[in-house]
Amino acid sequence: MTMPDERTMAIFQTRQFLQELLDPKQRPNVPGCVRQEARRLLRHYPLPMELSLAHDALPFIFGAPPTASEYVIGKTLRD
């Protein structure tokens, strides 16, 4: 069973992964169609502030957004 904190962290990490797909320096071999789809998905992806509001409204579904020390820039789903 997924815990609320795990769900929220997965959302944060997925956002970062999609952002990495857009950067040819981080992901040089990504096809253009994949970059385009990542850009389209990010346009509608929840922002950290929206996740914080979701946590306030539904703490049993969404955990608290990670703090800066918990969320390491550069860590993605592949880590």
C-alpha atoms as a PDB file:
ATOM      1  CA  MET A   1       0.000   0.000   0.000  1.00  0.00           C
ATOM      2  CA  THR A   2       1.338   3.402  -0.925  1.00  0.00           C
ATOM      3  CA  MET A   3       1.669   5.831   1.958  1.00  0.00           C
ATOM      4  CA  PRO A   4       0.760   9.520   1.478  1.00  0.00           C
ATOM      5  CA  ASP A   5       4.405  10.646   1.778  1.00  0.00           C
ATOM      6  CA  GLU A   6       5.495   8.074  -0.822  1.00  0.00           C
ATOM      7  CA  ARG A   7       2.772   9.259  -3.211  1.00  0.00           C
ATOM      8  CA  THR A   8       3.808  12.893  -2.868  1.00  0.00           C
ATOM      9  CA  MET A   9       7.511  12.089  -3.313  1.00  0.00           C
ATOM     10  CA  ALA A  10       6.722  10.085  -6.457  1.00  0.00           C
ATOM     11  CA  ILE A  11       4.889  13.106  -7.865  1.00  0.00           C
ATOM     12  CA  PHE A  12       7.872  15.367  -7.116  1.00  0.00           C
ATOM     13  CA  GLN A  13      10.331  12.889  -8.634  1.00  0.00           C
ATOM     14  CA  THR A  14       8.178  12.404 -11.728  1.00  0.00           C
ATOM     15  CA  ARG A  15       8.101  16.177 -12.302  1.00  0.00           C
ATOM     16  CA  GLN A  16      11.880  16.275 -12.114  1.00  0.00           C
ATOM     17  CA  PHE A  17      12.198  13.288 -14.463  1.00  0.00           C
ATOM     18  CA  LEU A  18       9.963  14.982 -17.041  1.00  0.00           C
ATOM     19  CA  GLN A  19      12.046  18.152 -16.709  1.00  0.00           C
ATOM     20  CA  GLU A  20      15.227  16.127 -17.279  1.00  0.00           C
ATOM     21  CA  LEU A  21      13.736  14.667 -20.453  1.00  0.00           C
ATOM     22  CA  LEU A  22      13.460  18.216 -21.804  1.00  0.00           C
ATOM     23  CA  ASP A  23      17.159  18.970 -21.231  1.00  0.00           C
ATOM     24  CA  PRO A  24      19.418  17.651 -24.013  1.00  0.00           C
ATOM     25  CA  LYS A  25      22.464  18.108 -21.753  1.00  0.00           C
ATOM     26  CA  GLN A  26      21.058  15.758 -19.118  1.00  0.00           C
ATOM     27  CA  ARG A  27      19.388  13.345 -21.555  1.00  0.00           C
ATOM     28  CA  PRO A  28      21.106  13.666 -24.955  1.00  0.00           C
ATOM     29  CA  ASN A  29      19.559  10.612 -26.642  1.00  0.00           C
ATOM     30  CA  VAL A  30      15.896  11.374 -26.028  1.00  0.00           C
ATOM     31  CA  PRO A  31      13.853  11.540 -29.254  1.00  0.00           C
ATOM     32  CA  GLY A  32      12.098  14.801 -30.070  1.00  0.00           C
ATOM     33  CA  CYS A  33       8.659  13.230 -29.799  1.00  0.00           C
ATOM     34  CA  VAL A  34       9.424  12.178 -26.197  1.00  0.00           C
ATOM     35  CA  ARG A  35      10.629  15.696 -25.334  1.00  0.00           C
ATOM     36  CA  GLN A  36       7.462  17.120 -26.853  1.00  0.00           C
ATOM     37  CA  GLU A  37       5.282  14.763 -24.793  1.00  0.00           C
ATOM     38  CA  ALA A  38       7.204  15.593 -21.588  1.00  0.00           C
ATOM     39  CA  ARG A  39       6.652  19.306 -22.281  1.00  0.00           C
ATOM     40  CA  ARG A  40       2.929  18.713 -22.865  1.00  0.00           C
ATOM     41  CA  LEU A  41       2.566  16.720 -19.641  1.00  0.00           C
ATOM     42  CA  LEU A  42       4.464  19.262 -17.548  1.00  0.00           C
ATOM     43  CA  ARG A  43       2.142  22.016 -18.722  1.00  0.00           C
ATOM     44  CA  HIS A  44      -0.639  20.384 -16.666  1.00  0.00           C
ATOM     45  CA  TYR A  45       1.428  18.762 -13.919  1.00  0.00           C
ATOM     46  CA  PRO A  46       0.771  19.851 -10.321  1.00  0.00           C
ATOM     47  CA  LEU A  47       3.085  22.492  -8.892  1.00  0.00           C
ATOM     48  CA  PRO A  48       4.638  22.079  -5.416  1.00  0.00           C
ATOM     49  CA  MET A  49       2.244  24.725  -4.070  1.00  0.00           C
ATOM     50  CA  GLU A  50      -0.719  22.732  -5.409  1.00  0.00           C
ATOM     51  CA  LEU A  51       0.581  19.579  -3.741  1.00  0.00           C
ATOM     52  CA  SER A  52       0.870  21.470  -0.491  1.00  0.00           C
ATOM     53  CA  LEU A  53      -2.769  22.529  -0.808  1.00  0.00           C
ATOM     54  CA  ALA A  54      -3.751  18.942  -1.641  1.00  0.00           C
ATOM     55  CA  HIS A  55      -1.955  17.767   1.500  1.00  0.00           C
ATOM     56  CA  ASP A  56      -3.786  20.361   3.609  1.00  0.00           C
ATOM     57  CA  ALA A  57      -7.138  19.234   2.181  1.00  0.00           C
ATOM     58  CA  LEU A  58      -6.458  15.481   1.992  1.00  0.00           C
ATOM     59  CA  PRO A  59      -3.546  14.522   4.286  1.00  0.00           C
ATOM     60  CA  PHE A  60      -4.559  10.848   4.206  1.00  0.00           C
ATOM     61  CA  ILE A  61      -3.969  10.815   0.417  1.00  0.00           C
ATOM     62  CA  PHE A  62      -1.117  13.313  -0.089  1.00  0.00           C
ATOM     63  CA  GLY A  63       1.805  13.638   2.288  1.00  0.00           C
ATOM     64  CA  ALA A  64       3.488  16.886   3.152  1.00  0.00           C
ATOM     65  CA  PRO A  65       5.679  18.171   0.332  1.00  0.00           C
ATOM     66  CA  PRO A  66       9.322  17.276   0.938  1.00  0.00           C
ATOM     67  CA  THR A  67      11.602  19.838   2.508  1.00  0.00           C
ATOM     68  CA  ALA A  68      14.737  20.977   0.690  1.00  0.00           C
ATOM     69  CA  SER A  69      16.827  18.479   2.677  1.00  0.00           C
ATOM     70  CA  GLU A  70      14.483  15.600   1.814  1.00  0.00           C
ATOM     71  CA  TYR A  71      14.209  16.420  -1.873  1.00  0.00           C
ATOM     72  CA  VAL A  72      17.633  16.322  -3.441  1.00  0.00           C
ATOM     73  CA  ILE A  73      17.868  18.102  -6.782  1.00  0.00           C
ATOM     74  CA  GLY A  74      19.142  15.637  -9.345  1.00  0.00           C
ATOM     75  CA  LYS A  75      17.575  12.571  -7.730  1.00  0.00           C
ATOM     76  CA  THR A  76      15.046  10.943 -10.016  1.00  0.00           C
ATOM     77  CA  LEU A  77      13.033   7.776 -10.376  1.00  0.00           C
ATOM     78  CA  ARG A  78      16.047   5.960 -11.800  1.00  0.00           C
ATOM     79  CA  ASP A  79      18.056   6.469  -8.570  1.00  0.00           C
END
